[in-house]
Structures are given as structure tokens and as C-alpha cells.
Amino acid sequence: MKKAFLLLMATVGFVYTIQAQDGTQTDQGSWLIEANTGFGGVSAHAANTGFGFFTSDGITSWSIGNEGGYFVADGLALKAGVGYTSTSFSDFDISESILTYKLGAKYYIINTIPVQIDVTGASIKDANENPLWLGLQGGYAIFIGDMVSIEPGLRYNLSLNEDFTDEGIFEFRVGFALHF
């Protein structure tokens, strides 16, 4: 009888905890600060508002950035991001600096499935043309406590200027977000 009572109390506590967390992180009026890692290579996506490092065949690239958003409705956040990327080509003794920006919206379906659409661009010093992409992203939000989520997902970047690149780019991403 004692074990059944303890099991019942644990179950009630577990259900209460899930219900208490459900939706509170994505309610209207909440804020979101997010950092992403991207795995797709330096040549894949020059505009990055996350953290990354890539090196291969004399090309080395690192990036740092951050995104933030405000929930204008339950589950819907308007987002903006900035980033910086440095790429060097050792075979040619050339390096370039890239300033990146992102504007978009992120919606949490049933508070655990984030989908995002955004426009990501970059400003490359001395470039004739700068890249611009339409980004589509989806994943799964694993909430750890009341304020932190880990969000693995897939992203597709569609080039909006064919002179820069005419290829779409797939990336696997892991995002880390603070909700308050």
C-alpha cells in the first residue's frame, strides 16, 4: 500500500510539473535569447548568426553570433540576429570578414516543435555582391527547467540572389535558448 501511495504521489507530481511548464516559456510577452551551432561547412553558408568552426583544404572559418526574439502572441516570436564570420584561405593568403544579419519569425507548434522562417544576409568587405538567403527551419524543443531549451533541427537556406550562389543549403543545427 505504501508503494502504491508513493507511486501515485510521484505520478501526480510529474503530471503537475509537465502542466506547469507547458506553454509558459512561449507565452505572449516572453523573451527569447538563442545561440545556434551549424554543421554545413564554410562554403555552404557564409551568413551565420551562430557559433561555428570549419577547416579543410587550406580554408579556415570561425563564426560567432546571437539571436533574440519577443513573443508577440502565444508561441509566436519575432526574431533578429547578428553575427561575425572570419574566413581565411591559406593557399592564397587571403582573408575576409563577414557581418551577418537575420530577421524572421519563429512559431512553436504545441509549444515543442519550433518552425522558423527568416531572411539572412551578409555584408562582405570589398564584395561585388552580398549573399541573401530565405531560411526555413524546423526542429524539436527540449525544455530543461523553466528557462532553458535545447533545440536540434534541420535548416534549408534558399539563395535569393543567383549571382552569388544558385544552390540551396541544408544544415543540421543545435540551438540553445534562454526563455524569460
N, C-alpha and C. Protein backbone atom coordinates (compact mmCIF):
# COMPACT_ATOMS: atom_id res chain seq x y z
N MET A 1 0.82 -1.19 0.00
CA MET A 1 0.00 0.00 0.00
C MET A 1 0.87 1.26 0.00
N LYS A 2 1.95 1.23 0.77
CA LYS A 2 2.84 2.36 0.86
C LYS A 2 3.50 2.64 -0.49
N LYS A 3 3.88 1.57 -1.22
CA LYS A 3 4.49 1.74 -2.54
C LYS A 3 3.49 2.32 -3.54
N ALA A 4 2.25 1.87 -3.49
CA ALA A 4 1.21 2.39 -4.38
C ALA A 4 0.97 3.87 -4.12
N PHE A 5 0.95 4.27 -2.84
CA PHE A 5 0.76 5.67 -2.49
C PHE A 5 1.93 6.52 -3.00
N LEU A 6 3.16 6.05 -2.82
CA LEU A 6 4.33 6.78 -3.31
C LEU A 6 4.31 6.89 -4.84
N LEU A 7 3.92 5.82 -5.52
CA LEU A 7 3.83 5.85 -6.98
C LEU A 7 2.76 6.84 -7.44
N LEU A 8 1.63 6.86 -6.75
CA LEU A 8 0.57 7.82 -7.07
C LEU A 8 1.04 9.25 -6.85
N MET A 9 1.72 9.53 -5.77
CA MET A 9 2.21 10.87 -5.48
C MET A 9 3.27 11.30 -6.52
N ALA A 10 4.14 10.38 -6.90
CA ALA A 10 5.16 10.69 -7.91
C ALA A 10 4.51 10.99 -9.25
N THR A 11 3.48 10.22 -9.61
CA THR A 11 2.78 10.44 -10.87
C THR A 11 2.07 11.79 -10.86
N VAL A 12 1.38 12.12 -9.78
CA VAL A 12 0.70 13.42 -9.68
C VAL A 12 1.73 14.55 -9.77
N GLY A 13 2.86 14.42 -9.08
CA GLY A 13 3.90 15.44 -9.15
C GLY A 13 4.47 15.59 -10.55
N PHE A 14 4.68 14.49 -11.24
CA PHE A 14 5.20 14.52 -12.62
C PHE A 14 4.22 15.21 -13.55
N VAL A 15 2.94 14.84 -13.48
CA VAL A 15 1.92 15.47 -14.33
C VAL A 15 1.79 16.95 -14.02
N TYR A 16 1.82 17.32 -12.75
CA TYR A 16 1.75 18.73 -12.36
C TYR A 16 2.93 19.51 -12.91
N THR A 17 4.12 18.93 -12.84
CA THR A 17 5.32 19.60 -13.35
C THR A 17 5.22 19.83 -14.85
N ILE A 18 4.76 18.84 -15.59
CA ILE A 18 4.60 18.99 -17.04
C ILE A 18 3.58 20.08 -17.36
N GLN A 19 2.45 20.07 -16.66
CA GLN A 19 1.43 21.07 -16.92
C GLN A 19 1.90 22.46 -16.52
N ALA A 20 2.68 22.57 -15.45
CA ALA A 20 3.17 23.88 -15.01
C ALA A 20 4.14 24.46 -16.04
N GLN A 21 4.91 23.59 -16.71
CA GLN A 21 5.88 24.08 -17.68
C GLN A 21 5.25 24.30 -19.05
N ASP A 22 4.15 23.66 -19.34
CA ASP A 22 3.56 23.70 -20.67
C ASP A 22 3.16 25.11 -21.06
N GLY A 23 3.85 25.68 -22.03
CA GLY A 23 3.47 26.95 -22.60
C GLY A 23 4.05 28.17 -21.91
N THR A 24 4.53 28.06 -20.70
CA THR A 24 4.98 29.25 -20.01
C THR A 24 6.18 29.90 -20.68
N GLN A 25 7.03 29.12 -21.31
CA GLN A 25 8.23 29.68 -21.94
C GLN A 25 7.90 30.42 -23.24
N THR A 26 6.79 30.11 -23.86
CA THR A 26 6.46 30.70 -25.16
C THR A 26 5.20 31.57 -25.11
N ASP A 27 4.82 32.02 -23.93
CA ASP A 27 3.64 32.88 -23.79
C ASP A 27 3.92 34.28 -24.32
N GLN A 28 2.86 34.95 -24.75
CA GLN A 28 2.97 36.34 -25.21
C GLN A 28 3.62 37.18 -24.12
N GLY A 29 4.55 38.05 -24.55
CA GLY A 29 5.26 38.91 -23.62
C GLY A 29 6.59 38.34 -23.14
N SER A 30 6.88 37.08 -23.46
CA SER A 30 8.15 36.47 -23.07
C SER A 30 9.25 36.84 -24.06
N TRP A 31 10.49 36.69 -23.62
CA TRP A 31 11.66 36.96 -24.44
C TRP A 31 12.42 35.67 -24.69
N LEU A 32 13.21 35.67 -25.76
CA LEU A 32 13.99 34.52 -26.18
C LEU A 32 15.38 35.00 -26.59
N ILE A 33 16.42 34.40 -26.02
CA ILE A 33 17.79 34.64 -26.46
C ILE A 33 18.36 33.30 -26.87
N GLU A 34 18.94 33.25 -28.07
CA GLU A 34 19.27 31.97 -28.67
C GLU A 34 20.65 31.99 -29.32
N ALA A 35 21.38 30.89 -29.16
CA ALA A 35 22.65 30.68 -29.84
C ALA A 35 22.58 29.34 -30.54
N ASN A 36 23.03 29.30 -31.78
CA ASN A 36 22.96 28.08 -32.59
C ASN A 36 24.34 27.62 -33.01
N THR A 37 24.45 26.33 -33.21
CA THR A 37 25.63 25.78 -33.88
C THR A 37 25.13 25.24 -35.20
N GLY A 38 25.91 25.39 -36.24
CA GLY A 38 25.52 24.90 -37.55
C GLY A 38 26.57 23.97 -38.11
N PHE A 39 26.13 22.90 -38.76
CA PHE A 39 27.03 21.94 -39.37
C PHE A 39 26.70 21.87 -40.85
N GLY A 40 27.48 22.57 -41.67
CA GLY A 40 27.22 22.58 -43.09
C GLY A 40 28.42 23.02 -43.89
N GLY A 41 29.45 23.47 -43.22
CA GLY A 41 30.68 23.85 -43.92
C GLY A 41 30.75 25.32 -44.24
N VAL A 42 31.97 25.84 -44.40
CA VAL A 42 32.17 27.26 -44.66
C VAL A 42 31.64 27.67 -46.01
N SER A 43 31.84 26.83 -47.01
CA SER A 43 31.38 27.20 -48.34
C SER A 43 29.87 27.08 -48.46
N ALA A 44 29.27 26.38 -47.49
CA ALA A 44 27.83 26.16 -47.56
C ALA A 44 27.04 27.43 -47.24
N HIS A 45 27.46 28.14 -46.21
CA HIS A 45 26.63 29.26 -45.78
C HIS A 45 27.51 30.33 -45.16
N ALA A 46 27.77 31.38 -45.90
CA ALA A 46 28.64 32.45 -45.43
C ALA A 46 27.96 33.33 -44.40
N ALA A 47 26.64 33.34 -44.34
CA ALA A 47 25.90 34.18 -43.39
C ALA A 47 25.49 33.32 -42.21
N ASN A 48 26.11 33.56 -41.07
CA ASN A 48 25.87 32.73 -39.90
C ASN A 48 25.67 33.62 -38.68
N THR A 49 24.57 33.42 -37.95
CA THR A 49 24.35 34.15 -36.70
C THR A 49 24.49 33.21 -35.52
N GLY A 50 25.28 32.16 -35.67
CA GLY A 50 25.52 31.22 -34.59
C GLY A 50 27.00 31.04 -34.35
N PHE A 51 27.33 29.94 -33.69
CA PHE A 51 28.72 29.61 -33.42
C PHE A 51 29.16 28.50 -34.36
N GLY A 52 30.35 28.63 -34.90
CA GLY A 52 30.83 27.60 -35.78
C GLY A 52 32.33 27.67 -36.01
N PHE A 53 32.89 26.54 -36.41
CA PHE A 53 34.30 26.45 -36.79
C PHE A 53 34.41 25.41 -37.88
N PHE A 54 35.18 25.74 -38.92
CA PHE A 54 35.36 24.84 -40.05
C PHE A 54 36.77 24.99 -40.58
N THR A 55 37.42 23.86 -40.88
CA THR A 55 38.72 23.92 -41.53
C THR A 55 38.86 22.71 -42.46
N SER A 56 39.32 22.97 -43.69
CA SER A 56 39.53 21.92 -44.67
C SER A 56 40.26 22.48 -45.87
N ASP A 57 41.23 21.76 -46.36
CA ASP A 57 41.94 22.10 -47.60
C ASP A 57 42.40 23.56 -47.65
N GLY A 58 43.00 24.05 -46.58
CA GLY A 58 43.54 25.41 -46.57
C GLY A 58 42.52 26.50 -46.31
N ILE A 59 41.29 26.14 -46.01
CA ILE A 59 40.25 27.11 -45.68
C ILE A 59 39.92 26.97 -44.20
N THR A 60 39.96 28.06 -43.49
CA THR A 60 39.60 28.06 -42.07
C THR A 60 38.58 29.17 -41.85
N SER A 61 37.52 28.82 -41.14
CA SER A 61 36.46 29.79 -40.87
C SER A 61 35.94 29.59 -39.46
N TRP A 62 35.71 30.70 -38.77
CA TRP A 62 35.05 30.65 -37.48
C TRP A 62 33.99 31.74 -37.43
N SER A 63 32.96 31.49 -36.66
CA SER A 63 31.87 32.47 -36.57
C SER A 63 31.33 32.53 -35.15
N ILE A 64 30.78 33.69 -34.83
CA ILE A 64 30.16 33.92 -33.54
C ILE A 64 28.94 34.82 -33.77
N GLY A 65 27.87 34.54 -33.07
CA GLY A 65 26.66 35.35 -33.24
C GLY A 65 25.60 34.99 -32.22
N ASN A 66 24.50 35.70 -32.30
CA ASN A 66 23.42 35.51 -31.35
C ASN A 66 22.11 36.00 -31.97
N GLU A 67 21.01 35.44 -31.49
CA GLU A 67 19.68 35.85 -31.94
C GLU A 67 18.81 36.12 -30.72
N GLY A 68 17.85 36.98 -30.89
CA GLY A 68 16.91 37.27 -29.82
C GLY A 68 15.52 37.48 -30.40
N GLY A 69 14.52 37.29 -29.56
CA GLY A 69 13.16 37.46 -30.03
C GLY A 69 12.20 37.83 -28.92
N TYR A 70 11.06 38.31 -29.33
CA TYR A 70 9.99 38.70 -28.42
C TYR A 70 8.70 38.02 -28.87
N PHE A 71 8.00 37.36 -27.95
CA PHE A 71 6.76 36.66 -28.27
C PHE A 71 5.61 37.66 -28.36
N VAL A 72 5.19 37.95 -29.59
CA VAL A 72 4.10 38.90 -29.82
C VAL A 72 2.74 38.25 -29.63
N ALA A 73 2.70 36.92 -29.63
CA ALA A 73 1.50 36.13 -29.37
C ALA A 73 1.97 34.82 -28.74
N ASP A 74 1.06 34.08 -28.14
CA ASP A 74 1.45 32.79 -27.57
C ASP A 74 2.06 31.91 -28.65
N GLY A 75 3.32 31.51 -28.45
CA GLY A 75 4.01 30.62 -29.38
C GLY A 75 4.69 31.30 -30.55
N LEU A 76 4.44 32.60 -30.81
CA LEU A 76 4.98 33.29 -31.98
C LEU A 76 5.95 34.40 -31.56
N ALA A 77 7.22 34.24 -31.95
CA ALA A 77 8.24 35.24 -31.62
C ALA A 77 8.76 35.88 -32.90
N LEU A 78 8.92 37.19 -32.87
CA LEU A 78 9.63 37.91 -33.92
C LEU A 78 11.09 37.97 -33.49
N LYS A 79 12.00 37.64 -34.42
CA LYS A 79 13.41 37.49 -34.07
C LYS A 79 14.32 38.36 -34.92
N ALA A 80 15.48 38.68 -34.34
CA ALA A 80 16.55 39.36 -35.05
C ALA A 80 17.87 38.77 -34.57
N GLY A 81 18.86 38.77 -35.44
CA GLY A 81 20.15 38.23 -35.06
C GLY A 81 21.29 38.93 -35.77
N VAL A 82 22.47 38.86 -35.18
CA VAL A 82 23.68 39.39 -35.78
C VAL A 82 24.80 38.37 -35.58
N GLY A 83 25.78 38.44 -36.48
CA GLY A 83 26.91 37.54 -36.36
C GLY A 83 28.13 38.07 -37.08
N TYR A 84 29.26 37.47 -36.80
CA TYR A 84 30.52 37.83 -37.44
C TYR A 84 31.24 36.54 -37.82
N THR A 85 31.75 36.50 -39.05
CA THR A 85 32.50 35.34 -39.54
C THR A 85 33.82 35.82 -40.11
N SER A 86 34.88 35.07 -39.81
CA SER A 86 36.19 35.34 -40.37
C SER A 86 36.63 34.08 -41.13
N THR A 87 36.99 34.25 -42.39
CA THR A 87 37.41 33.14 -43.22
C THR A 87 38.77 33.45 -43.83
N SER A 88 39.67 32.48 -43.79
CA SER A 88 40.99 32.66 -44.40
C SER A 88 41.28 31.51 -45.36
N PHE A 89 41.92 31.87 -46.46
CA PHE A 89 42.32 30.92 -47.49
C PHE A 89 43.84 30.90 -47.52
N SER A 90 44.46 29.91 -46.88
CA SER A 90 45.92 29.90 -46.72
C SER A 90 46.65 29.74 -48.05
N ASP A 91 46.07 29.06 -49.02
CA ASP A 91 46.73 28.87 -50.31
C ASP A 91 46.90 30.20 -51.05
N PHE A 92 46.03 31.16 -50.79
CA PHE A 92 46.06 32.43 -51.50
C PHE A 92 46.43 33.60 -50.60
N ASP A 93 46.69 33.32 -49.31
CA ASP A 93 47.00 34.35 -48.33
C ASP A 93 45.93 35.46 -48.34
N ILE A 94 44.67 35.03 -48.35
CA ILE A 94 43.52 35.93 -48.39
C ILE A 94 42.64 35.64 -47.17
N SER A 95 42.08 36.69 -46.61
CA SER A 95 41.09 36.51 -45.55
C SER A 95 39.95 37.50 -45.78
N GLU A 96 38.78 37.13 -45.29
CA GLU A 96 37.63 38.01 -45.42
C GLU A 96 36.85 38.03 -44.13
N SER A 97 36.22 39.18 -43.88
CA SER A 97 35.37 39.36 -42.72
C SER A 97 33.95 39.54 -43.20
N ILE A 98 33.03 38.89 -42.51
CA ILE A 98 31.62 38.93 -42.92
C ILE A 98 30.76 39.33 -41.72
N LEU A 99 29.97 40.37 -41.89
CA LEU A 99 28.99 40.78 -40.90
C LEU A 99 27.64 40.25 -41.35
N THR A 100 26.93 39.57 -40.47
CA THR A 100 25.70 38.88 -40.82
C THR A 100 24.51 39.45 -40.04
N TYR A 101 23.34 39.42 -40.67
CA TYR A 101 22.11 39.84 -40.00
C TYR A 101 21.00 38.86 -40.36
N LYS A 102 20.00 38.78 -39.48
CA LYS A 102 18.86 37.89 -39.70
C LYS A 102 17.61 38.53 -39.12
N LEU A 103 16.51 38.47 -39.86
CA LEU A 103 15.19 38.91 -39.40
C LEU A 103 14.19 37.82 -39.74
N GLY A 104 13.33 37.48 -38.77
CA GLY A 104 12.38 36.42 -39.05
C GLY A 104 11.36 36.23 -37.95
N ALA A 105 10.66 35.10 -38.05
CA ALA A 105 9.64 34.72 -37.07
C ALA A 105 9.79 33.24 -36.75
N LYS A 106 9.52 32.92 -35.49
CA LYS A 106 9.60 31.55 -35.02
C LYS A 106 8.30 31.21 -34.32
N TYR A 107 7.71 30.06 -34.68
CA TYR A 107 6.45 29.64 -34.07
C TYR A 107 6.62 28.26 -33.46
N TYR A 108 6.17 28.11 -32.23
CA TYR A 108 6.26 26.84 -31.52
C TYR A 108 4.91 26.13 -31.63
N ILE A 109 4.85 25.08 -32.45
CA ILE A 109 3.64 24.26 -32.58
C ILE A 109 3.56 23.39 -31.32
N ILE A 110 2.44 23.38 -30.68
CA ILE A 110 2.19 22.72 -29.38
C ILE A 110 3.35 22.94 -28.41
N ASN A 111 3.94 24.10 -28.46
CA ASN A 111 5.00 24.55 -27.55
C ASN A 111 6.27 23.71 -27.57
N THR A 112 6.40 22.75 -28.48
CA THR A 112 7.61 21.92 -28.51
C THR A 112 8.20 21.73 -29.90
N ILE A 113 7.51 22.16 -30.94
CA ILE A 113 8.02 21.99 -32.31
C ILE A 113 8.21 23.37 -32.92
N PRO A 114 9.44 23.90 -32.83
CA PRO A 114 9.68 25.23 -33.39
C PRO A 114 9.88 25.18 -34.91
N VAL A 115 9.18 26.07 -35.60
CA VAL A 115 9.38 26.26 -37.04
C VAL A 115 9.72 27.73 -37.24
N GLN A 116 10.63 27.99 -38.16
CA GLN A 116 11.11 29.36 -38.34
C GLN A 116 11.25 29.68 -39.81
N ILE A 117 10.94 30.93 -40.13
CA ILE A 117 11.19 31.47 -41.46
C ILE A 117 11.91 32.81 -41.26
N ASP A 118 12.95 33.03 -42.07
CA ASP A 118 13.71 34.26 -41.89
C ASP A 118 14.43 34.63 -43.18
N VAL A 119 14.94 35.83 -43.19
CA VAL A 119 15.82 36.31 -44.25
C VAL A 119 17.16 36.56 -43.60
N THR A 120 18.20 35.95 -44.17
CA THR A 120 19.55 36.09 -43.64
C THR A 120 20.43 36.70 -44.71
N GLY A 121 21.17 37.71 -44.35
CA GLY A 121 22.05 38.37 -45.30
C GLY A 121 23.42 38.59 -44.70
N ALA A 122 24.36 38.96 -45.56
CA ALA A 122 25.72 39.20 -45.11
C ALA A 122 26.31 40.38 -45.85
N SER A 123 27.21 41.05 -45.18
CA SER A 123 27.96 42.14 -45.78
C SER A 123 29.43 41.73 -45.80
N ILE A 124 29.94 41.45 -46.99
CA ILE A 124 31.32 41.01 -47.16
C ILE A 124 32.14 42.18 -47.68
N LYS A 125 33.19 42.50 -46.96
CA LYS A 125 34.04 43.63 -47.31
C LYS A 125 34.59 43.46 -48.73
N ASP A 126 34.50 44.51 -49.54
CA ASP A 126 35.01 44.57 -50.91
C ASP A 126 34.35 43.57 -51.87
N ALA A 127 33.17 43.06 -51.53
CA ALA A 127 32.48 42.13 -52.43
C ALA A 127 31.61 42.90 -53.42
N ASN A 128 31.53 42.39 -54.65
CA ASN A 128 30.65 42.99 -55.66
C ASN A 128 29.19 42.75 -55.34
N GLU A 129 28.92 41.61 -54.72
CA GLU A 129 27.55 41.26 -54.35
C GLU A 129 27.59 40.55 -53.01
N ASN A 130 26.58 40.77 -52.21
CA ASN A 130 26.48 40.12 -50.91
C ASN A 130 25.38 39.07 -50.93
N PRO A 131 25.59 37.98 -50.20
CA PRO A 131 24.60 36.90 -50.21
C PRO A 131 23.34 37.26 -49.43
N LEU A 132 22.23 36.66 -49.85
CA LEU A 132 20.94 36.82 -49.20
C LEU A 132 20.20 35.49 -49.32
N TRP A 133 19.70 34.97 -48.20
CA TRP A 133 19.01 33.69 -48.19
C TRP A 133 17.66 33.79 -47.52
N LEU A 134 16.73 32.96 -47.97
CA LEU A 134 15.48 32.71 -47.27
C LEU A 134 15.68 31.42 -46.50
N GLY A 135 15.54 31.48 -45.18
CA GLY A 135 15.77 30.30 -44.35
C GLY A 135 14.48 29.70 -43.85
N LEU A 136 14.40 28.37 -43.91
CA LEU A 136 13.29 27.60 -43.37
C LEU A 136 13.87 26.59 -42.40
N GLN A 137 13.32 26.55 -41.19
CA GLN A 137 13.92 25.72 -40.16
C GLN A 137 12.84 25.05 -39.33
N GLY A 138 13.08 23.81 -38.92
CA GLY A 138 12.17 23.09 -38.04
C GLY A 138 12.96 22.20 -37.12
N GLY A 139 12.39 21.90 -35.96
CA GLY A 139 13.10 21.05 -35.02
C GLY A 139 12.22 20.62 -33.88
N TYR A 140 12.85 20.35 -32.76
CA TYR A 140 12.15 19.91 -31.56
C TYR A 140 12.76 20.62 -30.36
N ALA A 141 11.95 21.21 -29.51
CA ALA A 141 12.44 21.92 -28.33
C ALA A 141 12.36 21.01 -27.11
N ILE A 142 13.51 20.80 -26.49
CA ILE A 142 13.59 20.03 -25.26
C ILE A 142 13.79 21.04 -24.14
N PHE A 143 12.75 21.26 -23.35
CA PHE A 143 12.82 22.24 -22.28
C PHE A 143 13.44 21.62 -21.03
N ILE A 144 14.49 22.28 -20.54
CA ILE A 144 15.18 21.86 -19.34
C ILE A 144 14.89 22.91 -18.29
N GLY A 145 13.95 22.64 -17.44
CA GLY A 145 13.55 23.62 -16.44
C GLY A 145 12.65 24.67 -17.07
N ASP A 146 12.53 25.80 -16.38
CA ASP A 146 11.62 26.85 -16.81
C ASP A 146 12.23 27.82 -17.82
N MET A 147 13.56 27.87 -17.91
CA MET A 147 14.17 28.94 -18.71
C MET A 147 15.06 28.47 -19.86
N VAL A 148 15.38 27.21 -19.98
CA VAL A 148 16.37 26.75 -20.95
C VAL A 148 15.77 25.69 -21.86
N SER A 149 16.08 25.80 -23.15
CA SER A 149 15.69 24.74 -24.09
C SER A 149 16.87 24.42 -24.99
N ILE A 150 16.94 23.16 -25.40
CA ILE A 150 17.88 22.69 -26.41
C ILE A 150 17.02 22.33 -27.62
N GLU A 151 17.40 22.86 -28.80
CA GLU A 151 16.54 22.71 -29.98
C GLU A 151 17.32 22.17 -31.19
N PRO A 152 17.46 20.84 -31.29
CA PRO A 152 18.05 20.29 -32.52
C PRO A 152 17.07 20.43 -33.67
N GLY A 153 17.60 20.62 -34.89
CA GLY A 153 16.71 20.76 -36.03
C GLY A 153 17.44 20.79 -37.36
N LEU A 154 16.65 20.87 -38.41
CA LEU A 154 17.17 20.98 -39.77
C LEU A 154 16.81 22.35 -40.33
N ARG A 155 17.70 22.87 -41.17
CA ARG A 155 17.51 24.18 -41.78
C ARG A 155 17.82 24.07 -43.27
N TYR A 156 17.01 24.76 -44.07
CA TYR A 156 17.26 24.86 -45.51
C TYR A 156 17.38 26.34 -45.85
N ASN A 157 18.46 26.70 -46.52
CA ASN A 157 18.71 28.09 -46.94
C ASN A 157 18.58 28.16 -48.45
N LEU A 158 17.64 28.93 -48.92
CA LEU A 158 17.39 29.12 -50.34
C LEU A 158 17.99 30.45 -50.77
N SER A 159 18.92 30.43 -51.72
CA SER A 159 19.58 31.65 -52.17
C SER A 159 18.58 32.56 -52.87
N LEU A 160 18.62 33.85 -52.52
CA LEU A 160 17.75 34.84 -53.15
C LEU A 160 18.46 35.66 -54.21
N ASN A 161 19.75 35.40 -54.41
CA ASN A 161 20.47 36.08 -55.48
C ASN A 161 21.35 35.07 -56.21
N GLU A 162 20.94 34.74 -57.42
CA GLU A 162 21.59 33.69 -58.19
C GLU A 162 23.02 34.03 -58.60
N ASP A 163 23.37 35.31 -58.62
CA ASP A 163 24.74 35.66 -58.98
C ASP A 163 25.73 35.25 -57.90
N PHE A 164 25.27 35.17 -56.66
CA PHE A 164 26.16 34.75 -55.58
C PHE A 164 26.24 33.23 -55.52
N THR A 165 25.09 32.59 -55.44
CA THR A 165 25.01 31.13 -55.47
C THR A 165 23.60 30.75 -55.88
N ASP A 166 23.48 29.71 -56.64
CA ASP A 166 22.15 29.26 -57.06
C ASP A 166 21.76 27.96 -56.38
N GLU A 167 22.51 27.57 -55.37
CA GLU A 167 22.26 26.32 -54.69
C GLU A 167 21.58 26.54 -53.35
N GLY A 168 20.70 25.62 -52.99
CA GLY A 168 20.13 25.62 -51.65
C GLY A 168 21.08 24.88 -50.72
N ILE A 169 21.00 25.18 -49.44
CA ILE A 169 21.94 24.62 -48.48
C ILE A 169 21.17 24.01 -47.32
N PHE A 170 21.43 22.72 -47.02
CA PHE A 170 20.87 22.06 -45.85
C PHE A 170 21.88 22.11 -44.72
N GLU A 171 21.39 22.32 -43.51
CA GLU A 171 22.24 22.32 -42.33
C GLU A 171 21.55 21.57 -41.20
N PHE A 172 22.34 20.89 -40.40
CA PHE A 172 21.86 20.35 -39.14
C PHE A 172 22.29 21.34 -38.07
N ARG A 173 21.36 21.74 -37.20
CA ARG A 173 21.66 22.74 -36.18
C ARG A 173 21.26 22.24 -34.80
N VAL A 174 21.99 22.73 -33.83
CA VAL A 174 21.60 22.54 -32.43
C VAL A 174 21.56 23.92 -31.81
N GLY A 175 20.38 24.30 -31.35
CA GLY A 175 20.20 25.61 -30.74
C GLY A 175 20.06 25.51 -29.24
N PHE A 176 20.52 26.53 -28.56
CA PHE A 176 20.39 26.65 -27.11
C PHE A 176 19.69 27.97 -26.84
N ALA A 177 18.58 27.92 -26.11
CA ALA A 177 17.78 29.13 -25.90
C ALA A 177 17.48 29.38 -24.43
N LEU A 178 17.46 30.66 -24.09
CA LEU A 178 17.02 31.10 -22.78
C LEU A 178 15.66 31.76 -22.96
N HIS A 179 14.71 31.40 -22.13
CA HIS A 179 13.35 31.95 -22.18
C HIS A 179 13.09 32.69 -20.87
N PHE A 180 12.65 33.94 -20.99
CA PHE A 180 12.30 34.68 -19.77
C PHE A 180 11.25 35.72 -20.06
